[in-house]
Amino acid sequence: MSVSSNVEPLASSHSITRRRLLQAGGMGMLSLGLPGLVAARVDGTAGRPAGAREKSCIFILLCGGPSHLDTWDLKPDAPAEIRGPYHPIATAVPGMRISELHTRLAKLTRHFTLIRSMSHPGNISNHFDAMHNSLSGAAGAPADSPYLGSVLAKIRPSQRNVASYVWLIKCVGDPVFCAPNIGTGGILGAPYAPLFVGAADNHPAMPGFKPPDVFASTDTSEERIQARRRLLDNLDPAEMSNEGQRVTREWQDLHRQAFDLATAREAKQAFNLERESPIVRDRYGRHALGQNLLLARRLVESGVGFVTVNGWTGPSPGQQGGGPPSSSWDMHGGEMGMGNAFGTGSYGMGWCLPRLDEALSALLNDLHDRGLLDSTLVVVAGEFGRTPRINQLSGATPGRQHWPACYSAILAGAGIRGGTVYGASDKIGAYVKDRPVRPQDLGATIYHALGVPLDRKLSKDGVSRPVTTGQPLLDLFA
């Protein structure tokens, strides 16, 4: 975030302008406009019982909308143009069956609840609006709605000297997949937007992955950094206009947090995947999704409250099929030039589902083995599902279109019972038959799991709105 260019220089001889501060201090490393870092505190014990962990969330966003009919809600008795080529397999929970391409997850169903009755009220069939409502945890979300991670960062900032809200790979490629407030924090403002980490050409599965500059090693000594901080503290907002005061104080707060992060050993180490054994890295899979989920585990272990992971699985060998790289799951098939949705190209379930199976199962096992699953909520969902009827079934490049009326999601950890199926779709997966779950209900469930009071209000310009209008799915909790 930058200070508005119309802020007047300070009159006091003991104060300096932002321009002079940057010139004198050489603060390029820290003038990043670092959101997501709000109110990170070194004292990790304030307000918590001894030994208790703050609850965190890893939200795996399968951008593009995965097909519920080919993943977690198969319809083997439906006609061929609906059921698709995959068969359901038995799991560790009697009666719960999922895709044959999820062989690892089938052994872990006792850890998670499968929701088969997600639904958007109204016909929201474009990525932009469906993503906005899904990430807001709302239906008909106002344009300035903050997203779940921003709300958590506001209400319950990180208790340790790390970011409160991190997004692993922003919308990579076509902006049609980017919900409008991903980088703004909505009504809460820039300090509550996420810290973005990684890109299509810089993700943790690649050699030489670089974390954000503030976490990288630097030749700048701590003495010089502290000297820069003293320069920053000399900015005196009291002599500015009201707007200038607000902007300058916000800028000071963000950069004080950046100074703390720049000297925080724990924060730097969280981004260093080389500290993990090759065996662990291999278990997650040496692809974008696998290594991002491993990084997400490291981040929540270090105290980050909310991590959104773009479910991009990375390019398949040979990058078969076109389409934007941000969304592995927008599997239209030949109609959008993305290749066979049931093939092994980058937009084929033959590639994407095994990668998700590998990475998600490793995450669940890892969190469980480390004693983190009780304090970490894992959510896996797209912004909507896919049409029951397959397009171009007899051709070489079949696929499915957007479908907001019915889709599936997975929840695990943070008190979720596991081993259960919630809700049901009709016989062809077109509409919800039992116990519908709206975006606001999923949002309320996430807040409930994380200990966010559902009666909290968000305020802007004297106007308050509820943090959620949904009802938590209390039946999901032990």
Protein backbone atom coordinates (compact mmCIF):
# COMPACT_ATOMS: atom_id res chain seq x y z
CA MET A 1 0.00 0.00 0.00
CA SER A 2 1.32 3.44 -0.75
CA VAL A 3 0.61 6.78 0.85
CA SER A 4 -1.59 9.10 -1.16
CA SER A 5 0.49 11.48 -3.24
CA ASN A 6 -1.39 14.51 -1.96
CA VAL A 7 -0.21 14.12 1.63
CA GLU A 8 1.56 17.36 2.59
CA PRO A 9 5.16 17.35 3.89
CA LEU A 10 5.39 17.69 7.65
CA ALA A 11 6.09 21.13 9.02
CA SER A 12 8.04 20.00 12.06
CA SER A 13 11.82 20.09 11.75
CA HIS A 14 11.93 16.79 13.62
CA SER A 15 9.76 14.97 11.11
CA ILE A 16 10.35 13.83 7.53
CA THR A 17 8.27 13.03 4.48
CA ARG A 18 7.68 9.52 3.21
CA ARG A 19 9.78 10.33 0.12
CA ARG A 20 12.68 11.44 2.29
CA LEU A 21 12.25 8.38 4.47
CA LEU A 22 12.51 6.06 1.49
CA GLN A 23 15.46 7.95 0.05
CA ALA A 24 17.33 8.22 3.33
CA GLY A 25 16.59 4.72 4.56
CA GLY A 26 16.74 2.81 1.29
CA MET A 27 13.57 1.01 2.30
CA GLY A 28 12.88 -0.64 -1.03
CA MET A 29 12.92 -4.04 0.61
CA LEU A 30 10.14 -3.08 2.98
CA SER A 31 8.02 -0.73 0.86
CA LEU A 32 5.98 -3.64 -0.44
CA GLY A 33 2.53 -2.66 0.76
CA LEU A 34 2.46 -5.84 2.76
CA PRO A 35 -1.11 -6.87 3.55
CA GLY A 36 -1.96 -9.87 5.65
CA LEU A 37 0.56 -8.84 8.28
CA VAL A 38 -1.85 -7.04 10.52
CA ALA A 39 -1.27 -7.13 14.26
CA ALA A 40 1.11 -10.06 14.26
CA ARG A 41 2.48 -10.17 17.81
CA VAL A 42 5.62 -11.73 19.20
CA ASP A 43 3.81 -12.69 22.39
CA GLY A 44 2.01 -15.88 21.42
CA THR A 45 0.33 -16.49 24.76
CA ALA A 46 -1.94 -13.47 25.21
CA GLY A 47 -5.55 -14.45 25.82
CA ARG A 48 -5.00 -18.20 25.49
CA PRO A 49 -4.84 -21.02 28.03
CA ALA A 50 -1.40 -22.53 28.53
CA GLY A 51 -0.69 -25.12 25.87
CA ALA A 52 -3.67 -24.17 23.70
CA ARG A 53 -3.23 -23.52 19.99
CA GLU A 54 -5.11 -20.94 18.02
CA LYS A 55 -7.18 -22.64 15.35
CA SER A 56 -6.13 -22.12 11.75
CA CYS A 57 -7.66 -22.82 8.35
CA ILE A 58 -6.23 -24.18 5.11
CA PHE A 59 -8.78 -23.41 2.40
CA ILE A 60 -7.97 -25.35 -0.78
CA LEU A 61 -9.78 -23.52 -3.55
CA LEU A 62 -10.21 -25.74 -6.61
CA CYS A 63 -10.46 -22.79 -8.97
CA GLY A 64 -12.68 -23.40 -11.96
CA GLY A 65 -15.17 -25.72 -10.30
CA PRO A 66 -14.41 -29.47 -10.11
CA SER A 67 -16.95 -32.01 -11.30
CA HIS A 68 -18.75 -33.43 -8.27
CA LEU A 69 -19.98 -36.28 -10.51
CA ASP A 70 -16.43 -37.47 -11.16
CA THR A 71 -14.92 -36.89 -7.71
CA TRP A 72 -17.06 -37.24 -4.58
CA ASP A 73 -20.65 -37.78 -5.77
CA LEU A 74 -20.53 -40.36 -8.56
CA LYS A 75 -23.74 -41.66 -10.13
CA PRO A 76 -22.88 -45.13 -11.46
CA ASP A 77 -26.50 -45.96 -12.29
CA ALA A 78 -27.06 -42.85 -14.41
CA PRO A 79 -26.90 -42.93 -18.25
CA ALA A 80 -23.45 -42.84 -19.85
CA GLU A 81 -23.78 -39.18 -20.86
CA ILE A 82 -24.10 -38.31 -17.18
CA ARG A 83 -22.11 -40.80 -15.14
CA GLY A 84 -18.75 -40.37 -16.89
CA PRO A 85 -15.96 -42.96 -17.19
CA TYR A 86 -14.95 -43.32 -13.54
CA HIS A 87 -16.19 -45.88 -11.06
CA PRO A 88 -16.84 -45.34 -7.35
CA ILE A 89 -14.68 -47.28 -4.92
CA ALA A 90 -15.25 -48.32 -1.32
CA THR A 91 -13.56 -46.32 1.42
CA ALA A 92 -12.59 -46.82 5.05
CA VAL A 93 -16.11 -45.68 5.99
CA PRO A 94 -18.83 -48.18 5.01
CA GLY A 95 -21.21 -46.71 2.47
CA MET A 96 -19.04 -43.70 1.61
CA ARG A 97 -17.79 -44.13 -1.96
CA ILE A 98 -15.61 -41.77 -3.98
CA SER A 99 -13.80 -41.76 -7.32
CA GLU A 100 -11.45 -44.58 -8.22
CA LEU A 101 -8.77 -41.93 -8.83
CA HIS A 102 -8.78 -41.10 -5.10
CA THR A 103 -7.14 -44.28 -3.82
CA ARG A 104 -5.25 -42.56 -0.98
CA LEU A 105 -8.16 -40.43 0.21
CA ALA A 106 -10.34 -43.54 0.28
CA LYS A 107 -8.24 -44.75 3.21
CA LEU A 108 -8.63 -41.48 5.12
CA THR A 109 -12.38 -40.88 5.04
CA ARG A 110 -12.57 -41.25 8.82
CA HIS A 111 -10.80 -37.87 8.98
CA PHE A 112 -13.21 -35.82 6.90
CA THR A 113 -16.85 -35.02 6.24
CA LEU A 114 -18.08 -35.02 2.67
CA ILE A 115 -20.79 -32.46 1.85
CA ARG A 116 -22.78 -33.41 -1.24
CA SER A 117 -25.39 -30.66 -1.08
CA MET A 118 -23.58 -27.38 -1.71
CA SER A 119 -25.68 -24.95 -3.76
CA HIS A 120 -25.65 -21.31 -4.82
CA PRO A 121 -28.99 -19.55 -4.38
CA GLY A 122 -29.80 -18.12 -7.80
CA ASN A 123 -28.21 -18.94 -11.11
CA ILE A 124 -24.63 -17.81 -10.57
CA SER A 125 -22.75 -19.49 -13.38
CA ASN A 126 -19.66 -17.29 -13.85
CA HIS A 127 -16.41 -17.75 -11.97
CA PHE A 128 -16.16 -14.13 -10.84
CA ASP A 129 -19.45 -13.93 -8.91
CA ALA A 130 -19.43 -17.53 -7.69
CA MET A 131 -15.90 -17.06 -6.34
CA HIS A 132 -16.88 -13.77 -4.69
CA ASN A 133 -19.80 -15.37 -2.85
CA SER A 134 -17.86 -18.51 -1.94
CA LEU A 135 -14.88 -16.62 -0.52
CA SER A 136 -17.12 -14.12 1.27
CA GLY A 137 -19.11 -16.93 2.84
CA ALA A 138 -22.27 -15.19 1.64
CA ALA A 139 -24.99 -15.28 -0.98
CA GLY A 140 -25.51 -12.09 -2.94
CA ALA A 141 -22.40 -10.73 -1.25
CA PRO A 142 -22.05 -6.93 -1.46
CA ALA A 143 -19.29 -5.74 -3.77
CA ASP A 144 -17.11 -4.64 -0.84
CA SER A 145 -17.44 -7.87 1.15
CA PRO A 146 -14.21 -9.01 2.79
CA TYR A 147 -13.25 -12.63 2.37
CA LEU A 148 -13.09 -15.23 5.11
CA GLY A 149 -9.36 -14.87 5.68
CA SER A 150 -9.61 -11.08 5.93
CA VAL A 151 -12.35 -11.35 8.54
CA LEU A 152 -10.28 -13.80 10.56
CA ALA A 153 -7.24 -11.49 10.32
CA LYS A 154 -9.36 -8.63 11.65
CA ILE A 155 -11.10 -10.47 14.46
CA ARG A 156 -8.28 -12.79 15.46
CA PRO A 157 -4.89 -11.70 14.14
CA SER A 158 -1.87 -13.97 14.36
CA GLN A 159 -0.49 -14.36 17.87
CA ARG A 160 3.04 -14.77 16.56
CA ASN A 161 5.35 -12.67 14.46
CA VAL A 162 4.05 -13.99 11.13
CA ALA A 163 1.35 -13.02 8.66
CA SER A 164 -2.29 -13.54 9.62
CA TYR A 165 -3.58 -14.32 6.10
CA VAL A 166 -1.60 -15.84 3.23
CA TRP A 167 -2.68 -16.79 -0.28
CA LEU A 168 -0.48 -19.36 -2.05
CA ILE A 169 -0.48 -18.40 -5.72
CA LYS A 170 -2.87 -15.62 -6.60
CA CYS A 171 -5.05 -16.16 -9.68
CA VAL A 172 -2.32 -17.24 -12.08
CA GLY A 173 -3.19 -16.20 -15.61
CA ASP A 174 -6.65 -15.19 -16.75
CA PRO A 175 -8.21 -12.65 -14.31
CA VAL A 176 -11.69 -14.08 -14.97
CA PHE A 177 -10.98 -16.47 -12.09
CA CYS A 178 -10.00 -13.71 -9.64
CA ALA A 179 -12.77 -12.69 -7.26
CA PRO A 180 -12.82 -8.89 -7.00
CA ASN A 181 -11.66 -8.46 -3.40
CA ILE A 182 -8.84 -10.98 -3.32
CA GLY A 183 -6.26 -8.26 -2.90
CA THR A 184 -8.25 -5.51 -1.17
CA GLY A 185 -9.62 -6.78 2.13
CA GLY A 186 -13.03 -5.39 1.13
CA ILE A 187 -14.47 -2.96 3.66
CA LEU A 188 -11.74 -3.92 6.13
CA GLY A 189 -9.04 -2.36 3.95
CA ALA A 190 -5.59 -3.29 2.68
CA PRO A 191 -4.09 -4.31 6.03
CA TYR A 192 -6.47 -7.28 6.06
CA ALA A 193 -5.85 -8.45 2.51
CA PRO A 194 -3.69 -11.55 2.13
CA LEU A 195 0.02 -11.74 1.62
CA PHE A 196 0.39 -13.35 -1.83
CA VAL A 197 3.12 -15.93 -2.26
CA GLY A 198 4.22 -17.52 -5.51
CA ALA A 199 3.25 -17.47 -9.17
CA ALA A 200 3.09 -19.80 -12.15
CA ASP A 201 6.81 -19.25 -12.70
CA ASN A 202 7.76 -19.13 -9.01
CA HIS A 203 6.14 -21.80 -6.87
CA PRO A 204 7.63 -24.13 -4.24
CA ALA A 205 7.81 -27.14 -6.57
CA MET A 206 10.33 -25.25 -8.71
CA PRO A 207 14.08 -25.07 -8.06
CA GLY A 208 15.02 -21.67 -6.70
CA PHE A 209 11.56 -20.81 -5.35
CA LYS A 210 11.67 -17.32 -3.85
CA PRO A 211 9.36 -16.27 -1.01
CA PRO A 212 8.24 -12.64 -0.68
CA ASP A 213 11.21 -10.29 -0.39
CA VAL A 214 10.54 -9.46 3.22
CA PHE A 215 11.19 -13.10 4.18
CA ALA A 216 14.23 -13.57 1.98
CA SER A 217 17.78 -13.42 3.20
CA THR A 218 19.23 -9.94 2.94
CA ASP A 219 22.60 -8.32 3.33
CA THR A 220 20.97 -5.51 5.27
CA SER A 221 22.14 -5.69 8.89
CA GLU A 222 19.68 -5.57 11.74
CA GLU A 223 21.36 -2.34 12.90
CA ARG A 224 20.52 -0.67 9.58
CA ILE A 225 16.97 -2.03 9.68
CA GLN A 226 16.47 -0.58 13.16
CA ALA A 227 17.86 2.76 11.97
CA ARG A 228 15.26 2.73 9.20
CA ARG A 229 12.58 2.00 11.74
CA ARG A 230 13.59 5.06 13.75
CA LEU A 231 13.21 7.14 10.60
CA LEU A 232 9.77 5.68 10.09
CA ASP A 233 8.77 6.56 13.64
CA ASN A 234 9.65 10.21 12.97
CA LEU A 235 6.71 10.53 10.60
CA ASP A 236 4.25 12.68 12.56
CA PRO A 237 0.68 12.24 11.31
CA ALA A 238 -0.63 14.74 13.87
CA GLU A 239 0.39 17.59 11.57
CA MET A 240 -1.52 16.23 8.56
CA SER A 241 -5.10 16.42 7.40
CA ASN A 242 -7.49 13.80 8.79
CA GLU A 243 -7.15 11.70 5.64
CA GLY A 244 -3.40 12.13 5.66
CA GLN A 245 -3.31 11.02 9.28
CA ARG A 246 -5.34 7.91 8.52
CA VAL A 247 -3.25 6.90 5.51
CA THR A 248 0.07 7.62 7.21
CA ARG A 249 -0.81 5.73 10.39
CA GLU A 250 -1.97 2.76 8.30
CA TRP A 251 1.28 2.90 6.34
CA GLN A 252 3.31 3.12 9.54
CA ASP A 253 1.51 0.14 11.05
CA LEU A 254 2.07 -2.01 7.98
CA HIS A 255 5.74 -1.17 7.80
CA ARG A 256 6.35 -1.66 11.51
CA GLN A 257 5.00 -5.15 11.01
CA ALA A 258 7.26 -5.53 7.97
CA PHE A 259 10.26 -4.56 10.12
CA ASP A 260 9.27 -7.20 12.65
CA LEU A 261 8.93 -9.80 9.92
CA ALA A 262 12.22 -8.84 8.31
CA THR A 263 14.02 -9.77 11.53
CA ALA A 264 11.83 -12.75 12.48
CA ARG A 265 13.71 -16.00 12.18
CA GLU A 266 10.56 -18.12 12.53
CA ALA A 267 8.82 -16.41 9.62
CA LYS A 268 11.79 -16.92 7.30
CA GLN A 269 12.10 -20.58 8.20
CA ALA A 270 8.42 -21.25 7.45
CA PHE A 271 9.04 -20.55 3.77
CA ASN A 272 12.16 -22.71 3.53
CA LEU A 273 10.94 -26.07 2.23
CA GLU A 274 14.53 -27.29 2.09
CA ARG A 275 14.19 -27.87 5.82
CA GLU A 276 11.74 -30.69 5.03
CA SER A 277 13.10 -34.16 4.29
CA PRO A 278 12.98 -35.33 0.66
CA ILE A 279 10.72 -38.17 1.82
CA VAL A 280 8.09 -35.73 3.12
CA ARG A 281 8.31 -33.58 -0.01
CA ASP A 282 7.90 -36.64 -2.20
CA ARG A 283 4.89 -37.74 -0.18
CA TYR A 284 3.06 -34.48 -0.97
CA GLY A 285 4.09 -34.72 -4.63
CA ARG A 286 6.67 -32.62 -6.46
CA HIS A 287 4.06 -30.51 -8.22
CA ALA A 288 2.54 -27.09 -7.57
CA LEU A 289 -0.41 -28.30 -5.47
CA GLY A 290 1.61 -30.78 -3.44
CA GLN A 291 4.36 -28.37 -2.48
CA ASN A 292 1.91 -25.53 -1.81
CA LEU A 293 0.01 -27.76 0.62
CA LEU A 294 3.26 -28.64 2.33
CA LEU A 295 4.04 -24.93 2.58
CA ALA A 296 0.53 -24.33 3.94
CA ARG A 297 1.17 -26.87 6.70
CA ARG A 298 4.43 -25.10 7.57
CA LEU A 299 2.66 -21.74 7.67
CA VAL A 300 -0.13 -22.79 10.04
CA GLU A 301 2.47 -24.54 12.17
CA SER A 302 4.25 -21.18 12.40
CA GLY A 303 1.12 -19.32 13.44
CA VAL A 304 -0.59 -18.13 10.24
CA GLY A 305 -4.34 -18.08 10.86
CA PHE A 306 -5.74 -18.52 7.37
CA VAL A 307 -4.05 -19.91 4.25
CA THR A 308 -5.86 -20.06 0.92
CA VAL A 309 -4.24 -22.44 -1.55
CA ASN A 310 -5.00 -22.14 -5.24
CA GLY A 311 -5.76 -25.73 -6.27
CA TRP A 312 -3.71 -25.43 -9.45
CA THR A 313 -1.97 -28.78 -9.96
CA GLY A 314 0.66 -27.40 -12.34
CA PRO A 315 1.19 -28.37 -15.96
CA SER A 316 1.03 -32.00 -16.97
CA PRO A 317 4.01 -33.38 -18.90
CA GLY A 318 3.81 -31.81 -22.34
CA GLN A 319 1.10 -29.33 -21.21
CA GLN A 320 -1.66 -31.00 -23.21
CA GLY A 321 -4.64 -28.71 -23.72
CA GLY A 322 -4.85 -24.94 -23.53
CA GLY A 323 -6.60 -22.62 -21.13
CA PRO A 324 -5.35 -20.30 -18.38
CA PRO A 325 -2.89 -21.79 -15.88
CA SER A 326 -4.74 -20.49 -12.82
CA SER A 327 -7.48 -23.06 -12.93
CA SER A 328 -6.85 -26.75 -13.32
CA TRP A 329 -10.53 -27.47 -12.66
CA ASP A 330 -12.36 -25.51 -15.37
CA MET A 331 -12.76 -28.65 -17.45
CA HIS A 332 -14.92 -27.60 -20.38
CA GLY A 333 -13.15 -29.95 -22.75
CA GLY A 334 -12.87 -29.11 -26.45
CA GLU A 335 -15.43 -26.30 -26.28
CA MET A 336 -12.85 -24.10 -24.53
CA GLY A 337 -9.75 -25.64 -26.07
CA MET A 338 -8.77 -27.41 -22.85
CA GLY A 339 -8.48 -30.94 -24.13
CA ASN A 340 -10.26 -34.03 -22.86
CA ALA A 341 -11.68 -33.42 -19.38
CA PHE A 342 -11.23 -37.12 -18.70
CA GLY A 343 -7.72 -37.29 -20.15
CA THR A 344 -4.26 -36.79 -18.71
CA GLY A 345 -3.62 -33.25 -19.93
CA SER A 346 -3.34 -30.23 -17.65
CA TYR A 347 -7.14 -29.85 -17.72
CA GLY A 348 -7.90 -33.55 -17.48
CA MET A 349 -9.05 -35.44 -14.43
CA GLY A 350 -6.62 -38.20 -15.27
CA TRP A 351 -3.89 -35.71 -14.32
CA CYS A 352 -5.56 -33.49 -11.72
CA LEU A 353 -7.40 -36.01 -9.54
CA PRO A 354 -4.33 -38.17 -8.74
CA ARG A 355 -2.38 -34.97 -7.88
CA LEU A 356 -5.15 -33.83 -5.53
CA ASP A 357 -5.40 -37.33 -4.05
CA GLU A 358 -1.66 -37.41 -3.38
CA ALA A 359 -1.35 -33.91 -1.93
CA LEU A 360 -4.52 -33.81 0.18
CA SER A 361 -3.95 -37.24 1.68
CA ALA A 362 -0.39 -36.25 2.61
CA LEU A 363 -1.67 -33.06 4.24
CA LEU A 364 -4.30 -34.86 6.31
CA ASN A 365 -1.84 -37.52 7.42
CA ASP A 366 0.83 -34.95 8.20
CA LEU A 367 -1.49 -32.73 10.25
CA HIS A 368 -2.75 -35.78 12.14
CA ASP A 369 0.74 -37.14 12.84
CA ARG A 370 1.94 -33.73 14.08
CA GLY A 371 -1.04 -33.23 16.36
CA LEU A 372 -2.25 -30.30 14.25
CA LEU A 373 -5.48 -31.68 12.84
CA ASP A 374 -7.49 -30.81 15.95
CA SER A 375 -6.47 -27.16 15.56
CA THR A 376 -6.48 -26.90 11.76
CA LEU A 377 -9.62 -26.76 9.65
CA VAL A 378 -9.10 -28.06 6.11
CA VAL A 379 -11.68 -27.00 3.52
CA VAL A 380 -11.65 -28.28 -0.06
CA ALA A 381 -14.12 -26.81 -2.53
CA GLY A 382 -14.51 -25.10 -5.86
CA GLU A 383 -16.74 -22.13 -6.60
CA PHE A 384 -19.38 -24.43 -8.14
CA GLY A 385 -19.77 -27.86 -9.73
CA ARG A 386 -20.16 -29.10 -13.31
CA THR A 387 -23.14 -30.00 -15.45
CA PRO A 388 -24.60 -33.49 -15.12
CA ARG A 389 -24.65 -33.91 -18.91
CA ILE A 390 -21.28 -34.30 -20.63
CA ASN A 391 -20.56 -32.15 -23.68
CA GLN A 392 -19.28 -33.85 -26.84
CA LEU A 393 -19.44 -37.28 -25.24
CA SER A 394 -18.79 -39.05 -28.55
CA GLY A 395 -15.93 -36.75 -29.54
CA ALA A 396 -12.25 -36.73 -28.61
CA THR A 397 -12.50 -33.83 -26.15
CA PRO A 398 -15.54 -34.19 -23.86
CA GLY A 399 -16.09 -31.93 -20.85
CA ARG A 400 -18.66 -30.41 -18.52
CA GLN A 401 -19.94 -26.83 -18.15
CA HIS A 402 -20.44 -24.68 -15.03
CA TRP A 403 -23.17 -25.81 -12.63
CA PRO A 404 -24.00 -23.79 -9.46
CA ALA A 405 -27.12 -25.73 -8.39
CA CYS A 406 -25.28 -28.65 -6.81
CA TYR A 407 -21.68 -29.44 -5.90
CA SER A 408 -19.53 -31.02 -3.20
CA ALA A 409 -16.99 -30.00 -0.56
CA ILE A 410 -14.71 -31.65 1.99
CA LEU A 411 -14.15 -30.49 5.59
CA ALA A 412 -11.68 -31.96 8.06
CA GLY A 413 -10.12 -31.09 11.40
CA ALA A 414 -10.84 -28.42 14.03
CA GLY A 415 -13.64 -30.46 15.58
CA ILE A 416 -15.22 -31.82 12.37
CA ARG A 417 -16.36 -35.38 13.15
CA GLY A 418 -15.15 -37.08 9.99
CA GLY A 419 -16.38 -40.31 8.47
CA THR A 420 -19.73 -38.82 7.48
CA VAL A 421 -21.64 -37.70 4.41
CA TYR A 422 -23.79 -34.59 4.79
CA GLY A 423 -26.66 -33.92 2.40
CA ALA A 424 -27.45 -35.57 -0.91
CA SER A 425 -28.05 -34.74 -4.54
CA ASP A 426 -30.69 -36.24 -6.82
CA LYS A 427 -30.12 -39.34 -8.95
CA ILE A 428 -28.14 -37.48 -11.64
CA GLY A 429 -26.36 -34.93 -9.41
CA ALA A 430 -28.30 -32.01 -10.84
CA TYR A 431 -30.03 -30.61 -7.77
CA VAL A 432 -29.84 -30.92 -4.01
CA LYS A 433 -32.25 -33.52 -2.66
CA ASP A 434 -31.53 -33.26 1.05
CA ARG A 435 -30.00 -30.73 3.49
CA PRO A 436 -28.89 -27.91 1.17
CA VAL A 437 -25.78 -25.97 2.17
CA ARG A 438 -25.49 -22.40 0.92
CA PRO A 439 -22.21 -20.42 0.74
CA GLN A 440 -23.22 -18.49 3.87
CA ASP A 441 -23.79 -21.75 5.76
CA LEU A 442 -20.33 -23.00 4.82
CA GLY A 443 -18.91 -19.64 5.87
CA ALA A 444 -20.71 -19.78 9.22
CA THR A 445 -19.43 -23.32 9.73
CA ILE A 446 -15.86 -22.19 9.07
CA TYR A 447 -16.21 -19.31 11.53
CA HIS A 448 -17.74 -21.63 14.13
CA ALA A 449 -14.89 -24.12 13.75
CA LEU A 450 -12.32 -21.34 14.16
CA GLY A 451 -13.99 -19.84 17.21
CA VAL A 452 -15.18 -16.62 15.56
CA PRO A 453 -18.32 -15.27 17.31
CA LEU A 454 -21.13 -15.37 14.76
CA ASP A 455 -22.75 -12.26 16.22
CA ARG A 456 -19.74 -10.07 15.44
CA LYS A 457 -20.30 -7.04 13.23
CA LEU A 458 -18.17 -5.52 10.49
CA SER A 459 -18.35 -1.74 10.28
CA LYS A 460 -17.70 0.87 7.62
CA ASP A 461 -18.56 4.56 7.78
CA GLY A 462 -20.80 3.97 10.77
CA VAL A 463 -22.78 1.19 9.09
CA SER A 464 -22.55 -2.33 10.54
CA ARG A 465 -23.24 -5.64 8.89
CA PRO A 466 -23.15 -9.15 10.39
CA VAL A 467 -20.05 -11.23 9.90
CA THR A 468 -22.35 -13.96 8.51
CA THR A 469 -26.01 -14.51 7.68
CA GLY A 470 -25.60 -18.27 7.52
CA GLN A 471 -26.22 -21.09 9.95
CA PRO A 472 -23.29 -23.30 11.01
CA LEU A 473 -23.68 -27.00 10.30
CA LEU A 474 -23.51 -28.08 13.92
CA ASP A 475 -24.18 -31.70 13.00
CA LEU A 476 -20.69 -31.86 11.52
CA PHE A 477 -18.99 -31.37 14.87
CA ALA A 478 -18.09 -34.04 17.36
